Amino acid sequence: RSRDRGRAIVATILRDPIEMVSKSAVVALVDRI
C-alpha cells in the first residue's frame, strides 16, 4: 500500500549495468502499480 520506497527501488534497479534487465523491471513495476 505504501509507495514510500518506490523511488529508491527504481533508482537502485536502474543502476543495473544491463539496461534491458533494469528497464524491464521498472516497466513491470509501473505496470503492476
Full PDB file with SEQRES, HELIX, SHEET, SSBOND, CRYST1, ORIGX, SCALE, CONECT and MASTER records, all heavy atoms in Angstrom:
SEQRES   1 A   33  ARG SER ARG ASP ARG GLY ARG ALA ILE VAL ALA THR ILE          
SEQRES   2 A   33  LEU ARG ASP PRO ILE GLU MET VAL SER LYS SER ALA VAL          
SEQRES   3 A   33  VAL ALA LEU VAL ASP ARG ILE                                  
HELIX    1 AA1 GLY A    6  LEU A   14  1                                   9    
HELIX    2 AA2 GLU A   19  ARG A   32  1                                  14    
CRYST1    1.000    1.000    1.000  90.00  90.00  90.00 P 1           1          
ORIGX1      1.000000  0.000000  0.000000        0.00000                         
ORIGX2      0.000000  1.000000  0.000000        0.00000                         
ORIGX3      0.000000  0.000000  1.000000        0.00000                         
SCALE1      1.000000  0.000000  0.000000        0.00000                         
SCALE2      0.000000  1.000000  0.000000        0.00000                         
SCALE3      0.000000  0.000000  1.000000        0.00000                         
ATOM      1  N   ARG A   1       0.826  -1.214   0.000  1.00  0.00           N  
ATOM      2  CA  ARG A   1       0.000   0.000   0.000  1.00  0.00           C  
ATOM      3  C   ARG A   1       0.857   1.259   0.000  1.00  0.00           C  
ATOM      4  O   ARG A   1       0.465   2.293  -0.496  1.00  0.00           O  
ATOM      5  CB  ARG A   1      -0.921   0.022   1.219  1.00  0.00           C  
ATOM      6  CG  ARG A   1      -2.017  -0.999   1.145  1.00  0.00           C  
ATOM      7  CD  ARG A   1      -2.943  -0.818   2.343  1.00  0.00           C  
ATOM      8  NE  ARG A   1      -4.093  -1.656   2.218  1.00  0.00           N  
ATOM      9  CZ  ARG A   1      -5.242  -1.260   1.688  1.00  0.00           C  
ATOM     10  NH1 ARG A   1      -5.366  -0.036   1.254  1.00  0.00           N  
ATOM     11  NH2 ARG A   1      -6.257  -2.089   1.612  1.00  0.00           N  
ATOM     12  N   SER A   2       2.031   1.150   0.569  1.00  0.00           N  
ATOM     13  CA  SER A   2       2.922   2.301   0.688  1.00  0.00           C  
ATOM     14  C   SER A   2       3.767   2.466  -0.571  1.00  0.00           C  
ATOM     15  O   SER A   2       4.280   1.501  -1.122  1.00  0.00           O  
ATOM     16  CB  SER A   2       3.850   2.113   1.894  1.00  0.00           C  
ATOM     17  OG  SER A   2       4.820   3.129   1.916  1.00  0.00           O  
ATOM     18  N   ARG A   3       3.917   3.674  -1.020  1.00  0.00           N  
ATOM     19  CA  ARG A   3       4.763   3.991  -2.174  1.00  0.00           C  
ATOM     20  C   ARG A   3       6.045   4.692  -1.719  1.00  0.00           C  
ATOM     21  O   ARG A   3       6.794   5.227  -2.532  1.00  0.00           O  
ATOM     22  CB  ARG A   3       4.020   4.890  -3.172  1.00  0.00           C  
ATOM     23  CG  ARG A   3       2.817   4.246  -3.788  1.00  0.00           C  
ATOM     24  CD  ARG A   3       3.216   3.222  -4.837  1.00  0.00           C  
ATOM     25  NE  ARG A   3       2.102   2.342  -5.107  1.00  0.00           N  
ATOM     26  CZ  ARG A   3       2.099   1.052  -4.838  1.00  0.00           C  
ATOM     27  NH1 ARG A   3       3.137   0.480  -4.294  1.00  0.00           N  
ATOM     28  NH2 ARG A   3       1.048   0.310  -5.094  1.00  0.00           N  
ATOM     29  N   ASP A   4       6.303   4.682  -0.425  1.00  0.00           N  
ATOM     30  CA  ASP A   4       7.455   5.398   0.119  1.00  0.00           C  
ATOM     31  C   ASP A   4       8.786   4.942  -0.462  1.00  0.00           C  
ATOM     32  O   ASP A   4       9.660   5.744  -0.724  1.00  0.00           O  
ATOM     33  CB  ASP A   4       7.499   5.262   1.644  1.00  0.00           C  
ATOM     34  CG  ASP A   4       6.316   5.928   2.320  1.00  0.00           C  
ATOM     35  OD1 ASP A   4       5.683   6.795   1.689  1.00  0.00           O  
ATOM     36  OD2 ASP A   4       6.022   5.579   3.477  1.00  0.00           O  
ATOM     37  N   ARG A   5       8.948   3.644  -0.667  1.00  0.00           N  
ATOM     38  CA  ARG A   5      10.224   3.125  -1.136  1.00  0.00           C  
ATOM     39  C   ARG A   5      10.302   3.015  -2.653  1.00  0.00           C  
ATOM     40  O   ARG A   5      11.347   2.669  -3.187  1.00  0.00           O  
ATOM     41  CB  ARG A   5      10.469   1.746  -0.511  1.00  0.00           C  
ATOM     42  CG  ARG A   5      10.635   1.809   0.995  1.00  0.00           C  
ATOM     43  CD  ARG A   5      11.220   0.548   1.588  1.00  0.00           C  
ATOM     44  NE  ARG A   5      12.530   0.281   1.035  1.00  0.00           N  
ATOM     45  CZ  ARG A   5      12.861  -0.864   0.430  1.00  0.00           C  
ATOM     46  NH1 ARG A   5      11.998  -1.824   0.315  1.00  0.00           N  
ATOM     47  NH2 ARG A   5      14.085  -1.044  -0.039  1.00  0.00           N  
ATOM     48  N   GLY A   6       9.226   3.284  -3.354  1.00  0.00           N  
ATOM     49  CA  GLY A   6       9.183   3.084  -4.797  1.00  0.00           C  
ATOM     50  C   GLY A   6      10.288   3.781  -5.562  1.00  0.00           C  
ATOM     51  O   GLY A   6      10.941   3.174  -6.417  1.00  0.00           O  
ATOM     52  N   ARG A   7      10.517   5.033  -5.275  1.00  0.00           N  
ATOM     53  CA  ARG A   7      11.559   5.787  -5.998  1.00  0.00           C  
ATOM     54  C   ARG A   7      12.941   5.214  -5.735  1.00  0.00           C  
ATOM     55  O   ARG A   7      13.759   5.100  -6.647  1.00  0.00           O  
ATOM     56  CB  ARG A   7      11.522   7.256  -5.607  1.00  0.00           C  
ATOM     57  CG  ARG A   7      10.361   7.994  -6.189  1.00  0.00           C  
ATOM     58  CD  ARG A   7      10.464   9.482  -5.893  1.00  0.00           C  
ATOM     59  NE  ARG A   7       9.298  10.146  -6.409  1.00  0.00           N  
ATOM     60  CZ  ARG A   7       8.514  10.924  -5.701  1.00  0.00           C  
ATOM     61  NH1 ARG A   7       8.773  11.164  -4.444  1.00  0.00           N  
ATOM     62  NH2 ARG A   7       7.466  11.492  -6.252  1.00  0.00           N  
ATOM     63  N   ALA A   8      13.197   4.854  -4.487  1.00  0.00           N  
ATOM     64  CA  ALA A   8      14.502   4.290  -4.143  1.00  0.00           C  
ATOM     65  C   ALA A   8      14.713   2.942  -4.829  1.00  0.00           C  
ATOM     66  O   ALA A   8      15.817   2.644  -5.305  1.00  0.00           O  
ATOM     67  CB  ALA A   8      14.626   4.141  -2.628  1.00  0.00           C  
ATOM     68  N   ILE A   9      13.660   2.144  -4.897  1.00  0.00           N  
ATOM     69  CA  ILE A   9      13.762   0.851  -5.561  1.00  0.00           C  
ATOM     70  C   ILE A   9      14.029   1.034  -7.054  1.00  0.00           C  
ATOM     71  O   ILE A   9      14.889   0.372  -7.629  1.00  0.00           O  
ATOM     72  CB  ILE A   9      12.496   0.013  -5.300  1.00  0.00           C  
ATOM     73  CG1 ILE A   9      12.490  -0.426  -3.842  1.00  0.00           C  
ATOM     74  CG2 ILE A   9      12.404  -1.180  -6.238  1.00  0.00           C  
ATOM     75  CD1 ILE A   9      11.187  -1.019  -3.372  1.00  0.00           C  
ATOM     76  N   VAL A  10      13.311   1.950  -7.679  1.00  0.00           N  
ATOM     77  CA  VAL A  10      13.529   2.226  -9.105  1.00  0.00           C  
ATOM     78  C   VAL A  10      14.959   2.720  -9.331  1.00  0.00           C  
ATOM     79  O   VAL A  10      15.642   2.249 -10.247  1.00  0.00           O  
ATOM     80  CB  VAL A  10      12.496   3.246  -9.640  1.00  0.00           C  
ATOM     81  CG1 VAL A  10      12.893   3.765 -11.011  1.00  0.00           C  
ATOM     82  CG2 VAL A  10      11.115   2.613  -9.689  1.00  0.00           C  
ATOM     83  N   ALA A  11      15.414   3.641  -8.509  1.00  0.00           N  
ATOM     84  CA  ALA A  11      16.773   4.171  -8.665  1.00  0.00           C  
ATOM     85  C   ALA A  11      17.811   3.057  -8.518  1.00  0.00           C  
ATOM     86  O   ALA A  11      18.798   3.012  -9.268  1.00  0.00           O  
ATOM     87  CB  ALA A  11      17.030   5.276  -7.648  1.00  0.00           C  
ATOM     88  N   THR A  12      17.583   2.162  -7.572  1.00  0.00           N  
ATOM     89  CA  THR A  12      18.512   1.060  -7.359  1.00  0.00           C  
ATOM     90  C   THR A  12      18.508   0.109  -8.545  1.00  0.00           C  
ATOM     91  O   THR A  12      19.566  -0.289  -9.046  1.00  0.00           O  
ATOM     92  CB  THR A  12      18.155   0.292  -6.065  1.00  0.00           C  
ATOM     93  OG1 THR A  12      18.193   1.203  -4.969  1.00  0.00           O  
ATOM     94  CG2 THR A  12      19.114  -0.848  -5.813  1.00  0.00           C  
ATOM     95  N   ILE A  13      17.341  -0.258  -9.032  1.00  0.00           N  
ATOM     96  CA  ILE A  13      17.250  -1.170 -10.177  1.00  0.00           C  
ATOM     97  C   ILE A  13      17.883  -0.543 -11.418  1.00  0.00           C  
ATOM     98  O   ILE A  13      18.575  -1.222 -12.181  1.00  0.00           O  
ATOM     99  CB  ILE A  13      15.786  -1.576 -10.437  1.00  0.00           C  
ATOM    100  CG1 ILE A  13      15.274  -2.487  -9.304  1.00  0.00           C  
ATOM    101  CG2 ILE A  13      15.640  -2.265 -11.778  1.00  0.00           C  
ATOM    102  CD1 ILE A  13      13.794  -2.795  -9.371  1.00  0.00           C  
ATOM    103  N   LEU A  14      17.692   0.751 -11.609  1.00  0.00           N  
ATOM    104  CA  LEU A  14      18.243   1.409 -12.802  1.00  0.00           C  
ATOM    105  C   LEU A  14      19.771   1.488 -12.800  1.00  0.00           C  
ATOM    106  O   LEU A  14      20.374   1.767 -13.835  1.00  0.00           O  
ATOM    107  CB  LEU A  14      17.640   2.803 -12.977  1.00  0.00           C  
ATOM    108  CG  LEU A  14      16.193   2.812 -13.463  1.00  0.00           C  
ATOM    109  CD1 LEU A  14      15.663   4.239 -13.502  1.00  0.00           C  
ATOM    110  CD2 LEU A  14      16.056   2.146 -14.830  1.00  0.00           C  
ATOM    111  N   ARG A  15      20.391   1.207 -11.665  1.00  0.00           N  
ATOM    112  CA  ARG A  15      21.862   1.164 -11.626  1.00  0.00           C  
ATOM    113  C   ARG A  15      22.410  -0.147 -12.193  1.00  0.00           C  
ATOM    114  O   ARG A  15      23.618  -0.286 -12.381  1.00  0.00           O  
ATOM    115  CB  ARG A  15      22.367   1.351 -10.190  1.00  0.00           C  
ATOM    116  CG  ARG A  15      22.286   2.770  -9.698  1.00  0.00           C  
ATOM    117  CD  ARG A  15      23.129   2.998  -8.454  1.00  0.00           C  
ATOM    118  NE  ARG A  15      22.642   2.273  -7.292  1.00  0.00           N  
ATOM    119  CZ  ARG A  15      21.877   2.795  -6.328  1.00  0.00           C  
ATOM    120  NH1 ARG A  15      21.495   4.049  -6.403  1.00  0.00           N  
ATOM    121  NH2 ARG A  15      21.517   2.067  -5.301  1.00  0.00           N  
ATOM    122  N   ASP A  16      21.550  -1.099 -12.479  1.00  0.00           N  
ATOM    123  CA  ASP A  16      21.999  -2.375 -13.033  1.00  0.00           C  
ATOM    124  C   ASP A  16      22.742  -2.117 -14.338  1.00  0.00           C  
ATOM    125  O   ASP A  16      22.268  -1.344 -15.175  1.00  0.00           O  
ATOM    126  CB  ASP A  16      20.804  -3.300 -13.285  1.00  0.00           C  
ATOM    127  CG  ASP A  16      21.228  -4.719 -13.598  1.00  0.00           C  
ATOM    128  OD1 ASP A  16      21.741  -4.975 -14.708  1.00  0.00           O  
ATOM    129  OD2 ASP A  16      21.058  -5.571 -12.724  1.00  0.00           O  
ATOM    130  N   PRO A  17      23.878  -2.765 -14.541  1.00  0.00           N  
ATOM    131  CA  PRO A  17      24.663  -2.492 -15.747  1.00  0.00           C  
ATOM    132  C   PRO A  17      24.036  -3.006 -17.046  1.00  0.00           C  
ATOM    133  O   PRO A  17      24.419  -2.558 -18.128  1.00  0.00           O  
ATOM    134  CB  PRO A  17      25.992  -3.208 -15.476  1.00  0.00           C  
ATOM    135  CG  PRO A  17      25.676  -4.252 -14.468  1.00  0.00           C  
ATOM    136  CD  PRO A  17      24.549  -3.692 -13.635  1.00  0.00           C  
ATOM    137  N   ILE A  18      23.075  -3.905 -16.949  1.00  0.00           N  
ATOM    138  CA  ILE A  18      22.420  -4.408 -18.155  1.00  0.00           C  
ATOM    139  C   ILE A  18      21.091  -3.689 -18.300  1.00  0.00           C  
ATOM    140  O   ILE A  18      20.131  -3.932 -17.566  1.00  0.00           O  
ATOM    141  CB  ILE A  18      22.250  -5.940 -18.105  1.00  0.00           C  
ATOM    142  CG1 ILE A  18      23.632  -6.577 -17.995  1.00  0.00           C  
ATOM    143  CG2 ILE A  18      21.504  -6.443 -19.339  1.00  0.00           C  
ATOM    144  CD1 ILE A  18      23.642  -8.068 -17.903  1.00  0.00           C  
ATOM    145  N   GLU A  19      21.064  -2.774 -19.249  1.00  0.00           N  
ATOM    146  CA  GLU A  19      19.927  -1.880 -19.425  1.00  0.00           C  
ATOM    147  C   GLU A  19      18.602  -2.616 -19.625  1.00  0.00           C  
ATOM    148  O   GLU A  19      17.576  -2.234 -19.071  1.00  0.00           O  
ATOM    149  CB  GLU A  19      20.196  -0.952 -20.607  1.00  0.00           C  
ATOM    150  CG  GLU A  19      19.159   0.105 -20.811  1.00  0.00           C  
ATOM    151  CD  GLU A  19      19.525   1.054 -21.952  1.00  0.00           C  
ATOM    152  OE1 GLU A  19      20.412   0.730 -22.760  1.00  0.00           O  
ATOM    153  OE2 GLU A  19      18.895   2.117 -22.021  1.00  0.00           O  
ATOM    154  N   MET A  20      18.603  -3.692 -20.396  1.00  0.00           N  
ATOM    155  CA  MET A  20      17.364  -4.428 -20.656  1.00  0.00           C  
ATOM    156  C   MET A  20      16.804  -5.034 -19.367  1.00  0.00           C  
ATOM    157  O   MET A  20      15.596  -5.041 -19.159  1.00  0.00           O  
ATOM    158  CB  MET A  20      17.608  -5.526 -21.691  1.00  0.00           C  
ATOM    159  CG  MET A  20      16.347  -6.249 -22.077  1.00  0.00           C  
ATOM    160  SD  MET A  20      15.117  -5.125 -22.778  1.00  0.00           S  
ATOM    161  CE  MET A  20      15.408  -5.387 -24.480  1.00  0.00           C  
ATOM    162  N   VAL A  21      17.666  -5.508 -18.508  1.00  0.00           N  
ATOM    163  CA  VAL A  21      17.231  -6.092 -17.230  1.00  0.00           C  
ATOM    164  C   VAL A  21      16.598  -5.009 -16.362  1.00  0.00           C  
ATOM    165  O   VAL A  21      15.505  -5.192 -15.818  1.00  0.00           O  
ATOM    166  CB  VAL A  21      18.423  -6.763 -16.499  1.00  0.00           C  
ATOM    167  CG1 VAL A  21      18.052  -7.154 -15.080  1.00  0.00           C  
ATOM    168  CG2 VAL A  21      18.912  -7.973 -17.276  1.00  0.00           C  
ATOM    169  N   SER A  22      17.268  -3.882 -16.239  1.00  0.00           N  
ATOM    170  CA  SER A  22      16.771  -2.827 -15.361  1.00  0.00           C  
ATOM    171  C   SER A  22      15.490  -2.189 -15.899  1.00  0.00           C  
ATOM    172  O   SER A  22      14.523  -2.009 -15.155  1.00  0.00           O  
ATOM    173  CB  SER A  22      17.842  -1.762 -15.125  1.00  0.00           C  
ATOM    174  OG  SER A  22      18.200  -1.119 -16.328  1.00  0.00           O  
ATOM    175  N   LYS A  23      15.467  -1.885 -17.177  1.00  0.00           N  
ATOM    176  CA  LYS A  23      14.276  -1.245 -17.743  1.00  0.00           C  
ATOM    177  C   LYS A  23      13.067  -2.170 -17.709  1.00  0.00           C  
ATOM    178  O   LYS A  23      11.948  -1.726 -17.458  1.00  0.00           O  
ATOM    179  CB  LYS A  23      14.550  -0.753 -19.161  1.00  0.00           C  
ATOM    180  CG  LYS A  23      15.411   0.496 -19.185  1.00  0.00           C  
ATOM    181  CD  LYS A  23      15.550   1.055 -20.571  1.00  0.00           C  
ATOM    182  CE  LYS A  23      16.325   2.358 -20.544  1.00  0.00           C  
ATOM    183  NZ  LYS A  23      16.450   2.940 -21.879  1.00  0.00           N  
ATOM    184  N   SER A  24      13.276  -3.450 -17.966  1.00  0.00           N  
ATOM    185  CA  SER A  24      12.166  -4.405 -17.902  1.00  0.00           C  
ATOM    186  C   SER A  24      11.571  -4.456 -16.507  1.00  0.00           C  
ATOM    187  O   SER A  24      10.347  -4.509 -16.342  1.00  0.00           O  
ATOM    188  CB  SER A  24      12.646  -5.804 -18.303  1.00  0.00           C  
ATOM    189  OG  SER A  24      13.049  -5.822 -19.638  1.00  0.00           O  
ATOM    190  N   ALA A  25      12.416  -4.432 -15.497  1.00  0.00           N  
ATOM    191  CA  ALA A  25      11.933  -4.476 -14.114  1.00  0.00           C  
ATOM    192  C   ALA A  25      11.157  -3.217 -13.755  1.00  0.00           C  
ATOM    193  O   ALA A  25      10.100  -3.284 -13.118  1.00  0.00           O  
ATOM    194  CB  ALA A  25      13.105  -4.670 -13.157  1.00  0.00           C  
ATOM    195  N   VAL A  26      11.648  -2.070 -14.185  1.00  0.00           N  
ATOM    196  CA  VAL A  26      10.966  -0.806 -13.880  1.00  0.00           C  
ATOM    197  C   VAL A  26       9.626  -0.730 -14.611  1.00  0.00           C  
ATOM    198  O   VAL A  26       8.610  -0.326 -14.024  1.00  0.00           O  
ATOM    199  CB  VAL A  26      11.864   0.401 -14.218  1.00  0.00           C  
ATOM    200  CG1 VAL A  26      11.094   1.708 -14.103  1.00  0.00           C  
ATOM    201  CG2 VAL A  26      13.077   0.422 -13.285  1.00  0.00           C  
ATOM    202  N   VAL A  27       9.592  -1.150 -15.865  1.00  0.00           N  
ATOM    203  CA  VAL A  27       8.326  -1.160 -16.610  1.00  0.00           C  
ATOM    204  C   VAL A  27       7.334  -2.103 -15.930  1.00  0.00           C  
ATOM    205  O   VAL A  27       6.151  -1.783 -15.800  1.00  0.00           O  
ATOM    206  CB  VAL A  27       8.557  -1.551 -18.082  1.00  0.00           C  
ATOM    207  CG1 VAL A  27       7.248  -1.859 -18.792  1.00  0.00           C  
ATOM    208  CG2 VAL A  27       9.291  -0.428 -18.809  1.00  0.00           C  
ATOM    209  N   ALA A  28       7.804  -3.257 -15.481  1.00  0.00           N  
ATOM    210  CA  ALA A  28       6.926  -4.206 -14.789  1.00  0.00           C  
ATOM    211  C   ALA A  28       6.364  -3.595 -13.503  1.00  0.00           C  
ATOM    212  O   ALA A  28       5.190  -3.776 -13.186  1.00  0.00           O  
ATOM    213  CB  ALA A  28       7.683  -5.493 -14.473  1.00  0.00           C  
ATOM    214  N   LEU A  29       7.182  -2.848 -12.779  1.00  0.00           N  
ATOM    215  CA  LEU A  29       6.717  -2.199 -11.551  1.00  0.00           C  
ATOM    216  C   LEU A  29       5.639  -1.167 -11.860  1.00  0.00           C  
ATOM    217  O   LEU A  29       4.572  -1.160 -11.240  1.00  0.00           O  
ATOM    218  CB  LEU A  29       7.883  -1.540 -10.813  1.00  0.00           C  
ATOM    219  CG  LEU A  29       7.519  -0.750  -9.558  1.00  0.00           C  
ATOM    220  CD1 LEU A  29       6.839  -1.636  -8.519  1.00  0.00           C  
ATOM    221  CD2 LEU A  29       8.757  -0.083  -8.976  1.00  0.00           C  
ATOM    222  N   VAL A  30       5.902  -0.312 -12.829  1.00  0.00           N  
ATOM    223  CA  VAL A  30       4.925   0.712 -13.202  1.00  0.00           C  
ATOM    224  C   VAL A  30       3.629   0.055 -13.685  1.00  0.00           C  
ATOM    225  O   VAL A  30       2.521   0.466 -13.312  1.00  0.00           O  
ATOM    226  CB  VAL A  30       5.507   1.657 -14.279  1.00  0.00           C  
ATOM    227  CG1 VAL A  30       4.438   2.586 -14.831  1.00  0.00           C  
ATOM    228  CG2 VAL A  30       6.673   2.453 -13.704  1.00  0.00           C  
ATOM    229  N   ASP A  31       3.758  -0.992 -14.478  1.00  0.00           N  
ATOM    230  CA  ASP A  31       2.591  -1.701 -14.995  1.00  0.00           C  
ATOM    231  C   ASP A  31       1.766  -2.307 -13.860  1.00  0.00           C  
ATOM    232  O   ASP A  31       0.543  -2.177 -13.834  1.00  0.00           O  
ATOM    233  CB  ASP A  31       3.045  -2.784 -15.974  1.00  0.00           C  
ATOM    234  CG  ASP A  31       1.889  -3.426 -16.701  1.00  0.00           C  
ATOM    235  OD1 ASP A  31       1.014  -2.683 -17.201  1.00  0.00           O  
ATOM    236  OD2 ASP A  31       1.858  -4.669 -16.774  1.00  0.00           O  
ATOM    237  N   ARG A  32       2.421  -2.950 -12.920  1.00  0.00           N  
ATOM    238  CA  ARG A  32       1.705  -3.565 -11.788  1.00  0.00           C  
ATOM    239  C   ARG A  32       0.986  -2.517 -10.952  1.00  0.00           C  
ATOM    240  O   ARG A  32      -0.146  -2.722 -10.522  1.00  0.00           O  
ATOM    241  CB  ARG A  32       2.676  -4.335 -10.908  1.00  0.00           C  
ATOM    242  CG  ARG A  32       3.208  -5.562 -11.555  1.00  0.00           C  
ATOM    243  CD  ARG A  32       2.487  -6.737 -11.007  1.00  0.00           C  
ATOM    244  NE  ARG A  32       2.992  -7.918 -11.663  1.00  0.00           N  
ATOM    245  CZ  ARG A  32       2.347  -9.043 -11.712  1.00  0.00           C  
ATOM    246  NH1 ARG A  32       1.174  -9.138 -11.148  1.00  0.00           N  
ATOM    247  NH2 ARG A  32       2.850 -10.069 -12.322  1.00  0.00           N  
ATOM    248  N   ILE A  33       1.660  -1.414 -10.679  1.00  0.00           N  
ATOM    249  CA  ILE A  33       1.034  -0.358  -9.879  1.00  0.00           C  
ATOM    250  C   ILE A  33      -0.154   0.230 -10.631  1.00  0.00           C  
ATOM    251  O   ILE A  33      -1.219   0.451 -10.059  1.00  0.00           O  
ATOM    252  CB  ILE A  33       2.067   0.732  -9.514  1.00  0.00           C  
ATOM    253  CG1 ILE A  33       3.091   0.152  -8.526  1.00  0.00           C  
ATOM    254  CG2 ILE A  33       1.380   1.960  -8.926  1.00  0.00           C  
ATOM    255  CD1 ILE A  33       4.290   1.052  -8.275  1.00  0.00           C  
TER     256      ILE A  33                                                      
MASTER        0    0    0    2    0    0    0    6  255    1    0    3          
END                                                                             
